[in-house]
Amino acid sequence: MHVGGVFKRAEYFVVGDALKQALGCEHDCTGGGMVVVSAESWALISESFEAKNVGEHGNMHIQSQKKNASRSQTIIFRKQIE
């Protein structure tokens, strides 16, 4: 969705499931530097990272990258979150 007109530019923002997931993850972050992903995101990256369950909604706190994770899996994940 986009809105705009002010300053002759369009503004984009996330709505729907993506926003719901992001807000849920934000709620489960208890300290600086934490990386928390939704259960839906975890399903896509679980082969490459170690994590522990946080909160009540299946969100996962990323702990580390798995030793056997391929470089291509990590690059794909980084591009998805940028």
Protein backbone atom coordinates (compact mmCIF):
# COMPACT_ATOMS: atom_id res chain seq x y z
CA MET A 1 0.00 0.00 0.00
CA HIS A 2 1.26 3.50 -0.63
CA VAL A 3 0.15 6.95 0.31
CA GLY A 4 1.67 10.20 -0.61
CA GLY A 5 1.48 13.62 -2.04
CA VAL A 6 3.30 15.41 0.76
CA PHE A 7 6.74 16.61 -0.36
CA LYS A 8 5.95 15.16 -3.82
CA ARG A 9 6.79 11.60 -2.82
CA ALA A 10 5.00 8.34 -2.09
CA GLU A 11 5.30 6.66 1.29
CA TYR A 12 5.12 2.87 1.56
CA PHE A 13 4.23 0.94 4.66
CA VAL A 14 3.58 -2.65 5.64
CA VAL A 15 0.08 -3.83 6.53
CA GLY A 16 -1.58 -7.16 7.22
CA ASP A 17 0.22 -10.35 8.25
CA ALA A 18 3.70 -8.87 7.80
CA LEU A 19 2.94 -6.06 10.25
CA LYS A 20 1.32 -8.46 12.70
CA GLN A 21 4.43 -10.69 12.62
CA ALA A 22 6.81 -7.75 13.06
CA LEU A 23 4.89 -6.35 16.03
CA GLY A 24 4.75 -9.78 17.65
CA CYS A 25 8.50 -10.17 17.28
CA GLU A 26 9.12 -6.69 18.67
CA HIS A 27 7.11 -7.60 21.75
CA ASP A 28 9.34 -10.66 22.33
CA CYS A 29 12.62 -8.71 22.07
CA THR A 30 13.77 -8.12 25.62
CA GLY A 31 17.24 -6.72 24.98
CA GLY A 32 19.31 -4.84 22.48
CA GLY A 33 20.84 -6.79 19.64
CA MET A 34 18.29 -9.61 19.72
CA VAL A 35 17.12 -11.08 16.44
CA VAL A 36 13.61 -12.49 16.79
CA VAL A 37 11.73 -13.97 13.84
CA SER A 38 8.14 -15.11 13.49
CA ALA A 39 7.19 -18.76 13.24
CA GLU A 40 6.47 -18.20 9.54
CA SER A 41 9.95 -16.80 8.95
CA TRP A 42 11.54 -19.51 11.08
CA ALA A 43 10.04 -22.16 8.78
CA LEU A 44 12.09 -20.64 5.93
CA ILE A 45 15.44 -20.34 7.73
CA SER A 46 15.48 -23.09 10.38
CA GLU A 47 17.96 -25.22 8.41
CA SER A 48 20.61 -22.52 8.73
CA PHE A 49 20.29 -21.15 12.27
CA GLU A 50 20.07 -22.22 15.91
CA ALA A 51 17.29 -20.57 17.89
CA LYS A 52 15.17 -20.87 21.00
CA ASN A 53 11.45 -20.33 21.36
CA VAL A 54 10.39 -17.05 22.96
CA GLY A 55 6.98 -15.71 23.83
CA GLU A 56 3.62 -17.33 23.37
CA HIS A 57 3.26 -17.20 19.59
CA GLY A 58 6.10 -19.43 18.38
CA ASN A 59 8.55 -16.62 17.69
CA MET A 60 12.18 -17.67 17.68
CA HIS A 61 15.24 -15.88 19.08
CA ILE A 62 18.16 -16.53 16.71
CA GLN A 63 21.18 -17.73 18.70
CA SER A 64 23.76 -18.54 16.03
CA GLN A 65 24.32 -19.80 12.52
CA LYS A 66 24.60 -23.57 12.20
CA LYS A 67 28.06 -24.84 11.34
CA ASN A 68 26.74 -26.82 8.36
CA ALA A 69 24.75 -23.90 6.91
CA SER A 70 25.79 -23.13 3.38
CA ARG A 71 26.87 -19.65 2.43
CA SER A 72 24.06 -19.44 -0.14
CA GLN A 73 21.43 -20.16 2.55
CA THR A 74 22.80 -17.31 4.68
CA ILE A 75 22.91 -14.88 1.76
CA ILE A 76 19.30 -15.69 0.86
CA PHE A 77 18.25 -15.01 4.46
CA ARG A 78 20.11 -11.70 4.58
CA LYS A 79 18.51 -10.56 1.32
CA GLN A 80 15.05 -11.49 2.63
CA ILE A 81 15.45 -9.33 5.74
CA GLU A 82 16.95 -6.29 3.99
